[in-house]
Protein backbone atom coordinates (compact mmCIF):
# COMPACT_ATOMS: atom_id res chain seq x y z
CA UNK A 1 0.28 -0.11 0.05
CA UNK A 2 1.05 3.46 -0.78
CA UNK A 3 0.26 5.92 2.08
CA UNK A 4 1.03 9.64 2.34
CA UNK A 5 0.54 10.69 5.55
CA UNK A 6 -0.26 14.92 5.77
CA UNK A 7 -0.66 17.27 9.00
CA UNK A 8 1.07 20.07 10.57
CA UNK A 9 4.44 19.97 11.77
CA UNK A 10 4.46 18.12 15.29
CA UNK A 11 1.33 16.59 14.26
CA UNK A 12 2.62 13.26 14.83
CA UNK A 13 3.58 12.44 11.67
CA UNK A 14 7.21 10.63 12.90
CA UNK A 15 5.57 8.57 15.31
CA UNK A 16 2.64 7.39 13.49
CA UNK A 17 4.94 6.16 10.52
CA UNK A 18 7.08 4.30 12.91
CA UNK A 19 3.69 2.05 14.39
CA UNK A 20 2.88 1.59 10.71
CA UNK A 21 6.40 0.06 10.06
CA UNK A 22 5.49 -2.32 12.99
CA UNK A 23 2.66 -3.47 11.66
CA UNK A 24 2.86 -3.88 8.00
CA UNK A 25 5.50 -4.02 5.24
CA UNK A 26 6.02 -0.74 4.16
CA UNK A 27 9.03 1.56 4.02
CA UNK A 28 9.39 5.02 5.75
CA UNK A 29 10.51 7.94 3.83
CA UNK A 30 10.40 11.78 5.33
CA UNK A 31 11.43 14.05 3.59
CA UNK A 32 12.67 15.90 6.63
CA UNK A 33 14.56 12.89 7.54
CA UNK A 34 16.04 12.75 4.10
CA UNK A 35 17.31 16.25 3.70
CA UNK A 36 18.71 16.82 7.72
CA UNK A 37 20.97 13.50 6.50
CA UNK A 38 21.95 15.34 3.23
CA UNK A 39 22.42 18.37 5.29
CA UNK A 40 24.91 16.39 7.68
CA UNK A 41 26.68 14.75 4.45
CA UNK A 42 27.57 18.21 3.53
CA UNK A 43 25.63 16.98 0.34
CA UNK A 44 25.15 19.90 -2.78
CA UNK A 45 21.42 19.07 -1.67
CA UNK A 46 22.09 19.68 1.85
CA UNK A 47 23.95 22.66 0.99
CA UNK A 48 21.11 24.06 -0.76
CA UNK A 49 18.51 23.14 1.76
CA UNK A 50 20.24 24.20 4.91
CA UNK A 51 18.94 27.77 4.57
CA UNK A 52 15.34 27.17 3.83
CA UNK A 53 15.30 24.42 7.25
CA UNK A 54 16.91 26.94 9.65
CA UNK A 55 14.56 29.97 8.96
CA UNK A 56 11.62 27.28 9.06
CA UNK A 57 10.75 27.87 5.16
CA UNK A 58 9.90 25.26 2.98
CA UNK A 59 12.62 23.66 0.32
CA UNK A 60 11.95 24.67 -3.17
CA UNK A 61 10.14 21.75 -4.72
CA UNK A 62 12.39 21.45 -7.70
CA UNK A 63 14.86 20.03 -5.23
CA UNK A 64 12.38 18.54 -2.74
CA UNK A 65 10.64 16.29 -5.57
CA UNK A 66 13.82 15.39 -7.63
CA UNK A 67 15.10 13.99 -4.13
CA UNK A 68 11.72 12.02 -3.09
CA UNK A 69 11.10 10.40 -6.79
CA UNK A 70 14.72 9.11 -6.44
CA UNK A 71 14.25 7.41 -3.01
CA UNK A 72 10.73 5.73 -4.46
CA UNK A 73 12.22 4.86 -7.51
CA UNK A 74 15.07 3.09 -5.24
CA UNK A 75 12.84 1.24 -3.20
CA UNK A 76 13.07 -2.39 -3.15
CA UNK A 77 9.58 -3.10 -2.09
CA UNK A 78 6.14 -1.51 -3.49
CA UNK A 79 4.92 -0.35 -0.07
CA UNK A 80 5.37 2.98 1.39
CA UNK A 81 4.52 5.93 3.82
CA UNK A 82 5.73 9.33 2.72
CA UNK A 83 6.36 11.52 5.85
CA UNK A 84 6.22 15.55 5.07
CA UNK A 85 5.72 15.22 1.36
CA UNK A 86 4.20 16.35 -0.67
CA UNK A 87 3.92 19.82 1.12
CA UNK A 88 2.53 21.54 -1.37
CA UNK A 89 0.26 21.71 -4.57
CA UNK A 90 2.54 21.65 -6.94
CA UNK A 91 4.73 19.08 -5.02
CA UNK A 92 1.45 16.71 -5.22
CA UNK A 93 0.97 17.02 -9.04
CA UNK A 94 4.84 16.23 -9.45
CA UNK A 95 4.62 13.17 -7.65
CA UNK A 96 1.51 11.80 -9.34
CA UNK A 97 2.77 12.36 -12.63
CA UNK A 98 6.15 10.63 -11.48
CA UNK A 99 3.72 8.06 -9.88
CA UNK A 100 1.72 7.49 -13.03
CA UNK A 101 4.86 7.30 -15.59
CA UNK A 102 6.42 4.28 -13.72
CA UNK A 103 2.43 3.03 -13.74
CA UNK A 104 1.97 3.52 -9.68
CA UNK A 105 -0.45 5.36 -7.99
CA UNK A 106 -1.22 6.67 -4.28
CA UNK A 107 -4.04 4.01 -2.35
CA UNK A 108 -4.99 6.27 0.66
CA UNK A 109 -4.36 10.09 1.87
CA UNK A 110 -4.38 10.21 6.16
CA UNK A 111 -4.82 13.63 7.23
CA UNK A 112 -3.52 14.12 10.72
CA UNK A 113 -5.69 17.11 12.42
CA UNK A 114 -4.04 18.93 15.47
CA UNK A 115 -5.24 21.94 16.92
CA UNK A 116 -2.94 24.85 16.92
CA UNK A 117 -2.13 25.22 20.57
CA UNK A 118 -1.56 21.38 21.13
CA UNK A 119 1.14 22.26 18.31
CA UNK A 120 2.95 24.88 19.45
CA UNK A 121 3.00 23.04 23.00
CA UNK A 122 4.51 19.83 21.33
CA UNK A 123 7.02 21.51 19.60
CA UNK A 124 8.52 23.97 21.93
CA UNK A 125 8.72 21.22 24.31
CA UNK A 126 10.31 19.02 22.54
CA UNK A 127 13.99 18.12 22.92
CA UNK A 128 16.75 16.69 20.27
CA UNK A 129 19.82 13.87 20.30
CA UNK A 130 21.99 15.40 18.23
CA UNK A 131 23.90 11.95 17.92
CA UNK A 132 20.94 9.43 17.27
CA UNK A 133 18.34 11.41 16.53
CA UNK A 134 16.06 10.70 18.93
CA UNK A 135 13.44 12.84 20.46
CA UNK A 136 11.79 13.78 23.48
CA UNK A 137 9.70 16.10 25.08
CA UNK A 138 9.69 17.70 28.50
CA UNK A 139 6.36 17.16 29.65
CA UNK A 140 5.19 13.63 27.37
CA UNK A 141 8.27 11.94 26.95
CA UNK A 142 11.49 12.56 29.50
CA UNK A 143 14.38 10.97 29.40
CA UNK A 144 15.45 8.93 32.30
CA UNK A 145 18.12 11.63 33.11
CA UNK A 146 16.99 15.43 32.46
CA UNK A 147 18.82 16.50 29.55
CA UNK A 148 20.56 13.20 28.27
CA UNK A 149 19.92 10.97 25.83
CA UNK A 150 18.90 7.35 26.71
CA UNK A 151 20.51 5.50 24.10
CA UNK A 152 24.08 7.17 23.90
CA UNK A 153 24.63 9.78 26.81
CA UNK A 154 24.77 12.56 24.67
CA UNK A 155 23.23 15.85 25.60
CA UNK A 156 19.84 17.21 24.41
CA UNK A 157 19.26 20.03 22.53
CA UNK A 158 16.26 21.87 21.20
CA UNK A 159 16.34 21.99 17.46
CA UNK A 160 16.19 25.59 16.15
CA UNK A 161 13.19 24.49 13.73
CA UNK A 162 11.25 23.52 17.33
CA UNK A 163 11.85 27.20 18.79
CA UNK A 164 9.13 29.36 19.19
CA UNK A 165 9.51 31.49 16.73
CA UNK A 166 10.47 29.13 14.30
CA UNK A 167 7.67 27.15 15.03
CA UNK A 168 5.16 30.17 14.19
CA UNK A 169 6.70 30.74 11.11
CA UNK A 170 6.18 26.98 10.42
CA UNK A 171 2.60 26.75 11.07
CA UNK A 172 1.93 30.19 8.93
CA UNK A 173 3.93 28.12 5.95
CA UNK A 174 1.92 25.02 6.68
CA UNK A 175 -1.50 26.63 6.45
CA UNK A 176 -0.55 29.34 3.47
CA UNK A 177 1.10 26.59 1.71
CA UNK A 178 0.54 22.81 2.99
CA UNK A 179 -2.74 22.67 4.19
CA UNK A 180 -3.99 23.14 0.40
CA UNK A 181 -2.75 19.99 -0.73
CA UNK A 182 -5.65 17.77 1.50
CA UNK A 183 -7.92 19.84 -0.74
CA UNK A 184 -5.89 18.86 -3.90
CA UNK A 185 -6.33 15.16 -3.07
CA UNK A 186 -9.80 15.49 -2.14
CA UNK A 187 -10.48 16.39 -5.68
CA UNK A 188 -8.25 13.45 -6.96
CA UNK A 189 -8.76 9.65 -7.36
CA UNK A 190 -7.10 9.16 -4.26
CA UNK A 191 -8.99 8.81 -0.97
CA UNK A 192 -8.74 10.94 1.80
CA UNK A 193 -9.41 10.12 5.61
CA UNK A 194 -8.97 12.92 8.45
CA UNK A 195 -7.85 11.43 11.49
CA UNK A 196 -8.33 13.22 14.63
CA UNK A 197 -4.48 13.19 16.67
CA UNK A 198 -5.41 16.01 19.01
CA UNK A 199 -5.04 12.92 21.51
CA UNK A 200 -2.28 10.33 22.76
CA UNK A 201 -0.80 8.43 19.95
CA UNK A 202 -1.99 5.09 21.05
CA UNK A 203 -5.36 6.03 19.88
CA UNK A 204 -4.02 7.91 16.70
CA UNK A 205 -2.81 4.89 15.55
CA UNK A 206 -6.04 2.73 16.38
CA UNK A 207 -7.98 5.02 14.06
CA UNK A 208 -5.53 4.58 11.45
CA UNK A 209 -5.55 0.59 11.98
CA UNK A 210 -9.20 1.02 11.62
CA UNK A 211 -8.94 2.82 8.62
CA UNK A 212 -6.64 0.53 6.84
CA UNK A 213 -8.65 -2.51 7.72
CA UNK A 214 -11.44 -0.57 5.91
CA UNK A 215 -9.73 -0.67 2.53
CA UNK A 216 -8.05 -3.94 3.25
CA UNK A 217 -11.04 -5.50 1.73
CA UNK A 218 -10.10 -4.40 -1.64
CA UNK A 219 -6.18 -4.10 -1.50
CA UNK A 220 -3.35 -5.80 0.36
CA UNK A 221 -1.60 -3.56 3.18
């Protein structure tokens, strides 16, 4: 099954992707993770994207589309979950064209709906390990030792794109450019489901599993 997972920054897309991978034979393709990897490796793409990422803006479509289409084409399996892509209507159209050219099509779009105030609380309290990438939260997901990663003992940091002023910019960008992607897919042949994601991750995952179970009558996940 080919899934697109949409939602605002901090809506829980990465968490739900990990749960889907544990339940189904799918590959998680996160534009954010891939971009950060390119950035840390100092690739040409990473250097070009760095300025946009640090300011909370969107990476230009031509960069992100090229990268994500290549990642899809390189997959050894047919099933995937796209996380953080497409972020604009243009990216969605380019993705559809690329998939159509390869004889593929998306099966479902899952749209995680979260209130803006919940997003601000989630992201401003988030802390990350600069070494392994593990993510924690000051209230809901504390490390065993305050300020220290459970996995490698590295000191936790607040990523620049989790700082309040950048979060506000990212949310503004989301409402202006990314939220219309949901409407784009609603007007396409792809099935779109809104998932209420204000609550805990387990409840959200259960709703997603129920949606996919209903679809499994006609498709194999």
